[in-house]
N, C-alpha and C. Protein backbone atom coordinates (compact mmCIF):
# COMPACT_ATOMS: atom_id res chain seq x y z
N MET A 1 118.00 105.85 120.35
CA MET A 1 118.69 107.08 119.99
C MET A 1 117.68 108.23 120.09
N THR A 2 118.09 109.30 120.71
CA THR A 2 117.21 110.45 120.85
C THR A 2 117.15 111.23 119.54
N ARG A 3 116.17 112.11 119.45
CA ARG A 3 116.03 112.94 118.25
C ARG A 3 117.28 113.78 118.02
N GLU A 4 117.81 114.36 119.09
CA GLU A 4 119.01 115.19 118.98
C GLU A 4 120.20 114.37 118.48
N GLU A 5 120.34 113.15 118.98
CA GLU A 5 121.43 112.28 118.52
C GLU A 5 121.27 111.93 117.05
N MET A 6 120.03 111.66 116.63
CA MET A 6 119.78 111.35 115.22
C MET A 6 120.14 112.54 114.34
N LEU A 7 119.76 113.73 114.77
CA LEU A 7 120.02 114.93 113.98
C LEU A 7 121.50 115.29 113.93
N ASN A 8 122.26 114.90 114.94
CA ASN A 8 123.67 115.28 115.02
C ASN A 8 124.60 114.34 114.26
N VAL A 9 124.07 113.29 113.66
CA VAL A 9 124.89 112.37 112.87
C VAL A 9 125.27 113.07 111.57
N ASP A 10 126.55 113.06 111.26
CA ASP A 10 127.03 113.66 110.01
C ASP A 10 127.00 112.58 108.94
N ILE A 11 126.11 112.70 107.99
CA ILE A 11 125.92 111.70 106.94
C ILE A 11 127.20 111.44 106.16
N ARG A 12 128.07 112.45 106.11
CA ARG A 12 129.32 112.31 105.35
C ARG A 12 130.32 111.38 106.04
N THR A 13 130.11 111.10 107.33
CA THR A 13 131.07 110.28 108.07
C THR A 13 130.58 108.86 108.33
N VAL A 14 129.34 108.57 107.98
CA VAL A 14 128.78 107.24 108.22
C VAL A 14 129.02 106.36 107.01
N PRO A 15 129.69 105.21 107.21
CA PRO A 15 129.88 104.29 106.08
C PRO A 15 128.52 103.84 105.53
N LEU A 16 128.37 103.82 104.23
CA LEU A 16 127.12 103.48 103.57
C LEU A 16 126.56 102.15 104.06
N GLU A 17 127.42 101.17 104.26
CA GLU A 17 126.96 99.84 104.67
C GLU A 17 126.40 99.82 106.09
N GLU A 18 126.62 100.85 106.88
CA GLU A 18 126.07 100.93 108.23
C GLU A 18 124.67 101.53 108.26
N LEU A 19 124.23 102.11 107.15
CA LEU A 19 122.90 102.70 107.08
C LEU A 19 121.90 101.64 106.65
N GLU A 20 120.70 101.69 107.25
CA GLU A 20 119.65 100.76 106.86
C GLU A 20 119.16 101.12 105.46
N ASP A 21 118.92 100.10 104.66
CA ASP A 21 118.41 100.31 103.31
C ASP A 21 116.90 100.37 103.38
N ILE A 22 116.35 101.54 103.13
CA ILE A 22 114.90 101.73 103.25
C ILE A 22 114.12 100.87 102.26
N SER A 23 114.77 100.47 101.17
CA SER A 23 114.07 99.63 100.19
C SER A 23 113.90 98.20 100.71
N CYS A 24 114.55 97.86 101.81
CA CYS A 24 114.44 96.51 102.39
C CYS A 24 113.50 96.45 103.59
N ILE A 25 112.88 97.56 103.92
CA ILE A 25 111.98 97.57 105.07
C ILE A 25 110.77 96.69 104.79
N GLN A 26 110.38 95.94 105.80
CA GLN A 26 109.19 95.10 105.71
C GLN A 26 108.00 95.92 106.20
N TYR A 27 107.10 96.25 105.32
CA TYR A 27 105.92 97.03 105.68
C TYR A 27 104.80 96.10 106.11
N ILE A 28 104.00 96.56 107.06
CA ILE A 28 102.86 95.76 107.49
C ILE A 28 101.59 96.37 106.90
N ASP A 29 100.64 95.52 106.62
CA ASP A 29 99.36 95.97 106.07
C ASP A 29 98.38 96.09 107.22
N SER A 30 98.20 97.31 107.67
CA SER A 30 97.33 97.56 108.81
C SER A 30 96.61 98.89 108.60
N ASP A 31 95.39 98.95 109.06
CA ASP A 31 94.64 100.21 109.00
C ASP A 31 95.09 101.17 110.10
N ASN A 32 95.82 100.66 111.07
CA ASN A 32 96.28 101.45 112.20
C ASN A 32 97.59 102.15 111.82
N ILE A 33 97.53 103.45 111.55
CA ILE A 33 98.72 104.20 111.10
C ILE A 33 99.79 104.20 112.17
N ALA A 34 99.43 104.34 113.44
CA ALA A 34 100.42 104.34 114.53
C ALA A 34 101.19 103.03 114.55
N GLU A 35 100.52 101.93 114.30
CA GLU A 35 101.16 100.62 114.26
C GLU A 35 102.13 100.54 113.08
N ARG A 36 101.74 101.08 111.95
CA ARG A 36 102.61 101.08 110.77
C ARG A 36 103.83 101.95 111.00
N ILE A 37 103.65 103.10 111.66
CA ILE A 37 104.79 103.98 111.97
C ILE A 37 105.75 103.27 112.92
N ASP A 38 105.22 102.67 113.98
CA ASP A 38 106.07 101.95 114.94
C ASP A 38 106.88 100.85 114.25
N ASN A 39 106.26 100.18 113.30
CA ASN A 39 106.95 99.13 112.55
C ASN A 39 108.17 99.69 111.82
N ILE A 40 108.00 100.84 111.17
CA ILE A 40 109.11 101.47 110.44
C ILE A 40 110.18 101.95 111.41
N LYS A 41 109.75 102.59 112.49
CA LYS A 41 110.71 103.11 113.48
C LYS A 41 111.56 102.00 114.08
N LYS A 42 111.00 100.81 114.24
CA LYS A 42 111.75 99.68 114.80
C LYS A 42 112.82 99.19 113.82
N GLN A 43 112.63 99.43 112.54
CA GLN A 43 113.56 98.93 111.53
C GLN A 43 114.66 99.92 111.16
N LEU A 44 114.48 101.18 111.52
CA LEU A 44 115.47 102.20 111.21
C LEU A 44 116.11 102.70 112.50
N ASN A 45 117.43 102.69 112.56
CA ASN A 45 118.12 103.23 113.73
C ASN A 45 117.99 104.74 113.78
N ASN A 46 117.97 105.36 112.62
CA ASN A 46 117.92 106.81 112.55
C ASN A 46 116.84 107.19 111.53
N LEU A 47 115.82 107.90 112.00
CA LEU A 47 114.71 108.26 111.13
C LEU A 47 115.05 109.39 110.17
N TYR A 48 116.20 110.00 110.35
CA TYR A 48 116.61 111.11 109.50
C TYR A 48 117.64 110.69 108.44
N ILE A 49 118.38 109.63 108.71
CA ILE A 49 119.42 109.18 107.78
C ILE A 49 119.25 107.70 107.50
N HIS A 50 119.25 107.35 106.23
CA HIS A 50 119.18 105.95 105.81
C HIS A 50 119.79 105.88 104.41
N ARG A 51 119.64 104.76 103.77
CA ARG A 51 120.09 104.68 102.38
C ARG A 51 118.99 104.05 101.55
N ASN A 52 119.07 104.30 100.27
CA ASN A 52 118.19 103.68 99.30
C ASN A 52 119.10 103.10 98.24
N GLY A 53 119.36 101.82 98.34
CA GLY A 53 120.35 101.18 97.47
C GLY A 53 121.73 101.68 97.83
N ASN A 54 122.40 102.31 96.87
CA ASN A 54 123.75 102.82 97.10
C ASN A 54 123.80 104.33 97.32
N VAL A 55 122.65 104.91 97.69
CA VAL A 55 122.58 106.35 97.89
C VAL A 55 122.21 106.65 99.34
N ALA A 56 123.05 107.44 100.01
CA ALA A 56 122.74 107.89 101.37
C ALA A 56 121.70 108.99 101.28
N VAL A 57 120.73 108.95 102.18
CA VAL A 57 119.62 109.91 102.17
C VAL A 57 119.50 110.54 103.56
N MET A 58 119.37 111.86 103.57
CA MET A 58 119.13 112.57 104.82
C MET A 58 117.82 113.33 104.69
N ASN A 59 116.89 113.04 105.58
CA ASN A 59 115.59 113.70 105.57
C ASN A 59 115.63 114.94 106.45
N GLU A 60 114.90 115.95 106.01
CA GLU A 60 114.69 117.15 106.82
C GLU A 60 113.19 117.34 106.92
N TYR A 61 112.75 117.74 108.10
CA TYR A 61 111.34 117.95 108.33
C TYR A 61 111.12 119.40 108.75
N THR A 62 110.03 119.96 108.30
CA THR A 62 109.73 121.35 108.66
C THR A 62 109.30 121.41 110.12
N GLU A 63 109.53 122.55 110.72
CA GLU A 63 109.09 122.76 112.09
C GLU A 63 107.57 122.77 112.12
N GLY A 64 107.04 122.39 113.24
CA GLY A 64 105.59 122.42 113.40
C GLY A 64 104.97 121.04 113.37
N LYS A 65 105.60 120.08 112.71
CA LYS A 65 105.10 118.72 112.68
C LYS A 65 106.10 117.82 113.39
N SER A 66 105.59 116.92 114.20
CA SER A 66 106.48 115.96 114.87
C SER A 66 106.88 114.88 113.86
N ILE A 67 107.91 114.14 114.19
CA ILE A 67 108.36 113.06 113.31
C ILE A 67 107.24 112.03 113.13
N ASN A 68 106.47 111.81 114.18
CA ASN A 68 105.36 110.86 114.08
C ASN A 68 104.30 111.37 113.10
N GLU A 69 104.02 112.67 113.12
CA GLU A 69 103.05 113.24 112.18
C GLU A 69 103.55 113.11 110.75
N VAL A 70 104.82 113.39 110.52
CA VAL A 70 105.38 113.31 109.18
C VAL A 70 105.37 111.87 108.68
N PHE A 71 105.80 110.93 109.53
CA PHE A 71 105.77 109.53 109.11
C PHE A 71 104.33 109.06 108.90
N GLY A 72 103.41 109.58 109.69
CA GLY A 72 102.00 109.24 109.49
C GLY A 72 101.52 109.67 108.13
N ILE A 73 101.91 110.85 107.71
CA ILE A 73 101.55 111.35 106.38
C ILE A 73 102.17 110.46 105.30
N LEU A 74 103.46 110.11 105.47
CA LEU A 74 104.13 109.26 104.49
C LEU A 74 103.49 107.87 104.41
N VAL A 75 103.22 107.30 105.57
CA VAL A 75 102.61 105.97 105.60
C VAL A 75 101.21 106.01 105.00
N ALA A 76 100.45 107.03 105.35
CA ALA A 76 99.08 107.14 104.81
C ALA A 76 99.09 107.28 103.29
N ALA A 77 100.15 107.87 102.77
CA ALA A 77 100.28 108.04 101.32
C ALA A 77 100.95 106.83 100.68
N SER A 78 101.03 105.74 101.42
CA SER A 78 101.65 104.48 100.96
C SER A 78 103.12 104.63 100.70
N PHE A 79 103.75 105.58 101.40
CA PHE A 79 105.19 105.79 101.43
C PHE A 79 105.74 105.56 100.06
């Protein structure tokens, strides 16, 4: 899915059970941040919309940082 496709998903129309539960993601223990980011990206269909338990979550990122940079910051902070 492209970035534009991910951003164009209307969270209000996606059934909750179709969203990946971020609390179920399997994290890898690696010093390589790029490897850790790729691991997360492989488990989420949409990096902007997911769920945490029974709550749908939509992430927004500020301009100026790529999604990889933002996820790198999150992963480095032990997400």
